[in-house]
Amino acid sequence: MQLAADWLPTRNRNALLRRLRLDDLHAFQAYRHDPALARYQGWCPVSDPEALAFLEEMASAPLLQPGQWIQLAIADPHTDQLLGDIGLYVAPDSSSAELGFTLARAAQGRGVATAAAQAAVRLLFACTAVARVVGITDARNEPSVRLLSRIGMRMVESRQSVFKGEACTEQVFSMARGRPLSSNSRHRHE
């Protein structure tokens, strides 16, 4: 098993996955204060001092610790400009992991989130013993549903829930260790 720190930063044609930094504050606050992005996210906008504290914590937090979320930066692979972030959570028993992602609207539609999610899944399988990675999204969040399907995850559960005071249907997507990641943008959910 490889060390997660050896994987970061990781760059591909569409995205750079790296640690968050204090100098990401402006871009971080811009997309984290976008109500359209916040609608389906577990986070809420915070003040600059709170955001700086969070960025500082994520810049040095241990990577992929069971029972702990870690947020990584999704950056432009050419300019290093922060475009979004991806959250990774390894279950306390290390049997599974969850990923979640946020991408600034201006960066959407270019394959950035797909590339970042693929890199994150590779990181989880290379550096932990998890048997599967899951992604959970509101069924109305069609871009996220498409992204999870596009990278090769399969919907395994649909459940009624209440999120931010609103009734919704959550869809749970899963990918087992050993299943190849899909890079085909036309990949369809089976």
C-alpha atoms as a PDB file:
ATOM      1  CA  MET A   1       0.000   0.000   0.000  1.00  0.00           C
ATOM      2  CA  GLN A   2       1.320   3.421  -0.927  1.00  0.00           C
ATOM      3  CA  LEU A   3       1.455   6.514   1.274  1.00  0.00           C
ATOM      4  CA  ALA A   4      -1.200   9.116   0.435  1.00  0.00           C
ATOM      5  CA  ALA A   5       1.332  11.923   0.817  1.00  0.00           C
ATOM      6  CA  ASP A   6       3.332  10.359  -2.034  1.00  0.00           C
ATOM      7  CA  TRP A   7       0.289  10.722  -4.320  1.00  0.00           C
ATOM      8  CA  LEU A   8      -0.146  14.447  -3.842  1.00  0.00           C
ATOM      9  CA  PRO A   9      -0.045  16.506  -5.842  1.00  0.00           C
ATOM     10  CA  THR A  10      -1.380  14.396  -8.707  1.00  0.00           C
ATOM     11  CA  ARG A  11      -1.978  15.968 -12.094  1.00  0.00           C
ATOM     12  CA  ASN A  12      -3.758  14.846 -15.225  1.00  0.00           C
ATOM     13  CA  ARG A  13      -4.933  16.644 -18.356  1.00  0.00           C
ATOM     14  CA  ASN A  14      -7.987  18.220 -16.692  1.00  0.00           C
ATOM     15  CA  ALA A  15      -7.257  18.541 -12.987  1.00  0.00           C
ATOM     16  CA  LEU A  16      -4.643  18.851 -10.301  1.00  0.00           C
ATOM     17  CA  LEU A  17      -5.456  17.236  -6.948  1.00  0.00           C
ATOM     18  CA  ARG A  18      -3.418  18.784  -4.121  1.00  0.00           C
ATOM     19  CA  ARG A  19      -3.649  19.954  -0.515  1.00  0.00           C
ATOM     20  CA  LEU A  20      -5.688  23.086   0.207  1.00  0.00           C
ATOM     21  CA  ARG A  21      -3.603  26.166   1.114  1.00  0.00           C
ATOM     22  CA  LEU A  22      -4.156  29.507   2.802  1.00  0.00           C
ATOM     23  CA  ASP A  23      -3.658  31.336  -0.494  1.00  0.00           C
ATOM     24  CA  ASP A  24      -6.754  29.507  -1.826  1.00  0.00           C
ATOM     25  CA  LEU A  25      -8.976  31.696   0.363  1.00  0.00           C
ATOM     26  CA  HIS A  26     -10.394  34.022  -2.317  1.00  0.00           C
ATOM     27  CA  ALA A  27     -11.322  31.269  -4.786  1.00  0.00           C
ATOM     28  CA  PHE A  28     -12.555  28.991  -1.969  1.00  0.00           C
ATOM     29  CA  GLN A  29     -14.845  31.684  -0.588  1.00  0.00           C
ATOM     30  CA  ALA A  30     -16.143  32.584  -4.070  1.00  0.00           C
ATOM     31  CA  TYR A  31     -17.539  29.128  -4.834  1.00  0.00           C
ATOM     32  CA  ARG A  32     -18.435  28.271  -1.241  1.00  0.00           C
ATOM     33  CA  HIS A  33     -20.690  31.374  -1.166  1.00  0.00           C
ATOM     34  CA  ASP A  34     -22.548  30.391  -4.350  1.00  0.00           C
ATOM     35  CA  PRO A  35     -26.100  29.425  -3.259  1.00  0.00           C
ATOM     36  CA  ALA A  36     -26.570  27.188  -6.309  1.00  0.00           C
ATOM     37  CA  LEU A  37     -23.541  25.113  -5.285  1.00  0.00           C
ATOM     38  CA  ALA A  38     -24.403  25.071  -1.592  1.00  0.00           C
ATOM     39  CA  ARG A  39     -27.902  23.676  -2.212  1.00  0.00           C
ATOM     40  CA  TYR A  40     -26.769  20.038  -2.310  1.00  0.00           C
ATOM     41  CA  GLN A  41     -23.741  20.324  -0.020  1.00  0.00           C
ATOM     42  CA  GLY A  42     -23.323  19.492   3.646  1.00  0.00           C
ATOM     43  CA  TRP A  43     -21.358  22.683   4.243  1.00  0.00           C
ATOM     44  CA  CYS A  44     -22.592  26.247   4.682  1.00  0.00           C
ATOM     45  CA  PRO A  45     -20.760  29.460   3.788  1.00  0.00           C
ATOM     46  CA  VAL A  46     -18.460  30.719   6.547  1.00  0.00           C
ATOM     47  CA  SER A  47     -16.603  33.924   7.335  1.00  0.00           C
ATOM     48  CA  ASP A  48     -13.068  34.545   6.051  1.00  0.00           C
ATOM     49  CA  PRO A  49     -11.485  33.806   9.463  1.00  0.00           C
ATOM     50  CA  GLU A  50     -13.413  30.515   9.694  1.00  0.00           C
ATOM     51  CA  ALA A  51     -12.459  29.631   6.125  1.00  0.00           C
ATOM     52  CA  LEU A  52      -8.774  30.407   6.829  1.00  0.00           C
ATOM     53  CA  ALA A  53      -8.878  28.155   9.901  1.00  0.00           C
ATOM     54  CA  PHE A  54     -10.426  25.380   7.802  1.00  0.00           C
ATOM     55  CA  LEU A  55      -7.848  25.784   5.006  1.00  0.00           C
ATOM     56  CA  GLU A  56      -5.033  25.731   7.548  1.00  0.00           C
ATOM     57  CA  GLU A  57      -6.444  22.582   9.148  1.00  0.00           C
ATOM     58  CA  MET A  58      -6.824  20.814   5.781  1.00  0.00           C
ATOM     59  CA  ALA A  59      -3.335  21.865   4.663  1.00  0.00           C
ATOM     60  CA  SER A  60      -1.756  19.815   7.444  1.00  0.00           C
ATOM     61  CA  ALA A  61      -4.388  17.245   8.513  1.00  0.00           C
ATOM     62  CA  PRO A  62      -3.328  13.611   8.245  1.00  0.00           C
ATOM     63  CA  LEU A  63      -4.478  12.101   4.952  1.00  0.00           C
ATOM     64  CA  LEU A  64      -7.075   9.323   4.782  1.00  0.00           C
ATOM     65  CA  GLN A  65      -7.386   8.725   8.510  1.00  0.00           C
ATOM     66  CA  PRO A  66     -10.258   6.353   9.421  1.00  0.00           C
ATOM     67  CA  GLY A  67     -13.234   8.268  10.793  1.00  0.00           C
ATOM     68  CA  GLN A  68     -12.030  11.658   9.497  1.00  0.00           C
ATOM     69  CA  TRP A  69     -12.999  13.773   6.478  1.00  0.00           C
ATOM     70  CA  ILE A  70     -10.213  15.416   4.497  1.00  0.00           C
ATOM     71  CA  GLN A  71     -10.809  18.061   1.822  1.00  0.00           C
ATOM     72  CA  LEU A  72      -8.377  18.260  -1.068  1.00  0.00           C
ATOM     73  CA  ALA A  73      -8.084  21.016  -3.631  1.00  0.00           C
ATOM     74  CA  ILE A  74      -9.211  20.565  -7.207  1.00  0.00           C
ATOM     75  CA  ALA A  75      -7.004  22.976  -9.141  1.00  0.00           C
ATOM     76  CA  ASP A  76      -6.349  23.925 -12.741  1.00  0.00           C
ATOM     77  CA  PRO A  77      -3.466  21.673 -13.882  1.00  0.00           C
ATOM     78  CA  HIS A  78      -1.751  24.537 -15.732  1.00  0.00           C
ATOM     79  CA  THR A  79      -2.241  27.532 -13.429  1.00  0.00           C
ATOM     80  CA  ASP A  80      -2.712  25.851 -10.016  1.00  0.00           C
ATOM     81  CA  GLN A  81      -5.798  28.088  -9.487  1.00  0.00           C
ATOM     82  CA  LEU A  82      -8.297  26.538  -7.059  1.00  0.00           C
ATOM     83  CA  LEU A  83     -11.456  25.411  -8.870  1.00  0.00           C
ATOM     84  CA  GLY A  84     -13.148  23.370  -6.164  1.00  0.00           C
ATOM     85  CA  ASP A  85     -12.554  20.732  -3.539  1.00  0.00           C
ATOM     86  CA  ILE A  86     -13.145  17.060  -3.022  1.00  0.00           C
ATOM     87  CA  GLY A  87     -13.924  15.481   0.333  1.00  0.00           C
ATOM     88  CA  LEU A  88     -12.748  11.993   1.247  1.00  0.00           C
ATOM     89  CA  TYR A  89     -13.906  10.001   4.257  1.00  0.00           C
ATOM     90  CA  VAL A  90     -12.578   6.598   5.271  1.00  0.00           C
ATOM     91  CA  ALA A  91     -14.978   4.662   7.503  1.00  0.00           C
ATOM     92  CA  PRO A  92     -13.765   4.010  11.067  1.00  0.00           C
ATOM     93  CA  ASP A  93     -13.301   0.293  10.258  1.00  0.00           C
ATOM     94  CA  SER A  94     -11.588   1.164   6.939  1.00  0.00           C
ATOM     95  CA  SER A  95     -14.032  -1.057   5.022  1.00  0.00           C
ATOM     96  CA  SER A  96     -15.333   1.729   2.781  1.00  0.00           C
ATOM     97  CA  ALA A  97     -14.785   5.335   1.843  1.00  0.00           C
ATOM     98  CA  GLU A  98     -17.025   8.162   0.671  1.00  0.00           C
ATOM     99  CA  LEU A  99     -16.269  10.995  -1.683  1.00  0.00           C
ATOM    100  CA  GLY A 100     -18.016  14.297  -2.270  1.00  0.00           C
ATOM    101  CA  PHE A 101     -17.098  17.184  -4.508  1.00  0.00           C
ATOM    102  CA  THR A 102     -17.740  20.847  -5.181  1.00  0.00           C
ATOM    103  CA  LEU A 103     -16.652  22.643  -8.328  1.00  0.00           C
ATOM    104  CA  ALA A 104     -17.018  26.341  -9.137  1.00  0.00           C
ATOM    105  CA  ARG A 105     -19.685  26.811 -11.808  1.00  0.00           C
ATOM    106  CA  ALA A 106     -17.199  28.498 -14.174  1.00  0.00           C
ATOM    107  CA  ALA A 107     -15.099  25.294 -14.155  1.00  0.00           C
ATOM    108  CA  GLN A 108     -17.976  22.892 -14.801  1.00  0.00           C
ATOM    109  CA  GLY A 109     -18.550  21.119 -18.097  1.00  0.00           C
ATOM    110  CA  ARG A 110     -14.844  20.694 -18.932  1.00  0.00           C
ATOM    111  CA  GLY A 111     -14.145  17.284 -17.390  1.00  0.00           C
ATOM    112  CA  VAL A 112     -12.455  18.776 -14.320  1.00  0.00           C
ATOM    113  CA  ALA A 113     -14.686  17.125 -11.697  1.00  0.00           C
ATOM    114  CA  THR A 114     -14.570  13.796 -13.524  1.00  0.00           C
ATOM    115  CA  ALA A 115     -10.768  13.858 -13.616  1.00  0.00           C
ATOM    116  CA  ALA A 116     -10.575  14.863  -9.944  1.00  0.00           C
ATOM    117  CA  ALA A 117     -13.046  12.167  -8.843  1.00  0.00           C
ATOM    118  CA  GLN A 118     -11.130   9.510 -10.800  1.00  0.00           C
ATOM    119  CA  ALA A 119      -7.865  10.633  -9.188  1.00  0.00           C
ATOM    120  CA  ALA A 120      -9.481  10.575  -5.736  1.00  0.00           C
ATOM    121  CA  VAL A 121     -10.821   7.038  -6.222  1.00  0.00           C
ATOM    122  CA  ARG A 122      -7.379   5.874  -7.399  1.00  0.00           C
ATOM    123  CA  LEU A 123      -5.841   7.515  -4.317  1.00  0.00           C
ATOM    124  CA  LEU A 124      -8.305   5.759  -1.990  1.00  0.00           C
ATOM    125  CA  PHE A 125      -7.724   2.329  -3.507  1.00  0.00           C
ATOM    126  CA  ALA A 126      -3.933   2.735  -3.678  1.00  0.00           C
ATOM    127  CA  CYS A 127      -3.451   4.094  -0.167  1.00  0.00           C
ATOM    128  CA  THR A 128      -6.136   2.420   1.963  1.00  0.00           C
ATOM    129  CA  ALA A 129      -7.629  -1.045   2.408  1.00  0.00           C
ATOM    130  CA  VAL A 130     -11.178   0.083   1.577  1.00  0.00           C
ATOM    131  CA  ALA A 131     -13.201  -2.483  -0.359  1.00  0.00           C
ATOM    132  CA  ARG A 132     -15.511   0.099  -1.927  1.00  0.00           C
ATOM    133  CA  VAL A 133     -15.958   3.813  -2.487  1.00  0.00           C
ATOM    134  CA  VAL A 134     -19.398   5.414  -2.349  1.00  0.00           C
ATOM    135  CA  GLY A 135     -20.843   8.717  -3.481  1.00  0.00           C
ATOM    136  CA  ILE A 136     -24.188   9.966  -2.186  1.00  0.00           C
ATOM    137  CA  THR A 137     -26.133  12.657  -4.007  1.00  0.00           C
ATOM    138  CA  ASP A 138     -29.573  14.189  -4.175  1.00  0.00           C
ATOM    139  CA  ALA A 139     -31.368  12.738  -7.206  1.00  0.00           C
ATOM    140  CA  ARG A 140     -32.143  16.311  -8.364  1.00  0.00           C
ATOM    141  CA  ASN A 141     -28.416  17.059  -8.565  1.00  0.00           C
ATOM    142  CA  GLU A 142     -28.211  15.710 -12.104  1.00  0.00           C
ATOM    143  CA  PRO A 143     -24.598  16.776 -12.806  1.00  0.00           C
ATOM    144  CA  SER A 144     -23.413  14.795  -9.764  1.00  0.00           C
ATOM    145  CA  VAL A 145     -25.520  11.784 -10.720  1.00  0.00           C
ATOM    146  CA  ARG A 146     -23.986  11.866 -14.206  1.00  0.00           C
ATOM    147  CA  LEU A 147     -20.455  12.286 -12.855  1.00  0.00           C
ATOM    148  CA  LEU A 148     -20.719   9.316 -10.488  1.00  0.00           C
ATOM    149  CA  SER A 149     -22.072   7.168 -13.321  1.00  0.00           C
ATOM    150  CA  ARG A 150     -19.427   8.480 -15.734  1.00  0.00           C
ATOM    151  CA  ILE A 151     -16.539   7.340 -13.531  1.00  0.00           C
ATOM    152  CA  GLY A 152     -17.982   3.832 -13.324  1.00  0.00           C
ATOM    153  CA  MET A 153     -19.955   3.893 -10.090  1.00  0.00           C
ATOM    154  CA  ARG A 154     -23.285   2.076  -9.985  1.00  0.00           C
ATOM    155  CA  MET A 155     -26.381   3.201  -8.134  1.00  0.00           C
ATOM    156  CA  VAL A 156     -26.985   0.670  -5.373  1.00  0.00           C
ATOM    157  CA  GLU A 157     -29.643   2.393  -3.299  1.00  0.00           C
ATOM    158  CA  SER A 158     -32.267   5.101  -3.493  1.00  0.00           C
ATOM    159  CA  ARG A 159     -33.701   6.370  -0.208  1.00  0.00           C
ATOM    160  CA  GLN A 160     -35.981   9.101   1.047  1.00  0.00           C
ATOM    161  CA  SER A 161     -34.328  11.676   3.262  1.00  0.00           C
ATOM    162  CA  VAL A 162     -34.575  15.216   4.588  1.00  0.00           C
ATOM    163  CA  PHE A 163     -31.631  17.467   3.773  1.00  0.00           C
ATOM    164  CA  LYS A 164     -31.384  21.086   4.897  1.00  0.00           C
ATOM    165  CA  GLY A 165     -35.059  20.888   5.907  1.00  0.00           C
ATOM    166  CA  GLU A 166     -36.218  19.705   2.479  1.00  0.00           C
ATOM    167  CA  ALA A 167     -37.538  16.240   1.536  1.00  0.00           C
ATOM    168  CA  CYS A 168     -35.387  14.589  -1.112  1.00  0.00           C
ATOM    169  CA  THR A 169     -34.366  11.303  -2.644  1.00  0.00           C
ATOM    170  CA  GLU A 170     -30.749  10.375  -2.053  1.00  0.00           C
ATOM    171  CA  GLN A 171     -29.022   8.086  -4.498  1.00  0.00           C
ATOM    172  CA  VAL A 172     -26.104   6.007  -3.275  1.00  0.00           C
ATOM    173  CA  PHE A 173     -23.493   5.059  -5.862  1.00  0.00           C
ATOM    174  CA  SER A 174     -20.763   2.512  -5.229  1.00  0.00           C
ATOM    175  CA  MET A 175     -17.617   1.150  -6.834  1.00  0.00           C
ATOM    176  CA  ALA A 176     -15.847  -1.968  -5.587  1.00  0.00           C
ATOM    177  CA  ARG A 177     -12.085  -2.318  -5.439  1.00  0.00           C
ATOM    178  CA  GLY A 178     -10.850  -3.842  -8.660  1.00  0.00           C
ATOM    179  CA  ARG A 179     -13.593  -2.372 -10.847  1.00  0.00           C
ATOM    180  CA  PRO A 180     -11.983  -0.225 -13.543  1.00  0.00           C
ATOM    181  CA  LEU A 181     -12.657   3.483 -13.580  1.00  0.00           C
ATOM    182  CA  SER A 182     -14.483   4.596 -16.670  1.00  0.00           C
ATOM    183  CA  SER A 183     -13.004   7.424 -18.667  1.00  0.00           C
ATOM    184  CA  ASN A 184     -15.732   7.350 -21.323  1.00  0.00           C
ATOM    185  CA  SER A 185     -17.799  10.535 -21.105  1.00  0.00           C
ATOM    186  CA  ARG A 186     -20.676   8.647 -22.734  1.00  0.00           C
ATOM    187  CA  HIS A 187     -20.680   5.940 -20.032  1.00  0.00           C
ATOM    188  CA  ARG A 188     -24.230   5.202 -18.999  1.00  0.00           C
ATOM    189  CA  HIS A 189     -25.501   3.993 -15.651  1.00  0.00           C
ATOM    190  CA  GLU A 190     -26.442   0.320 -16.009  1.00  0.00           C
END
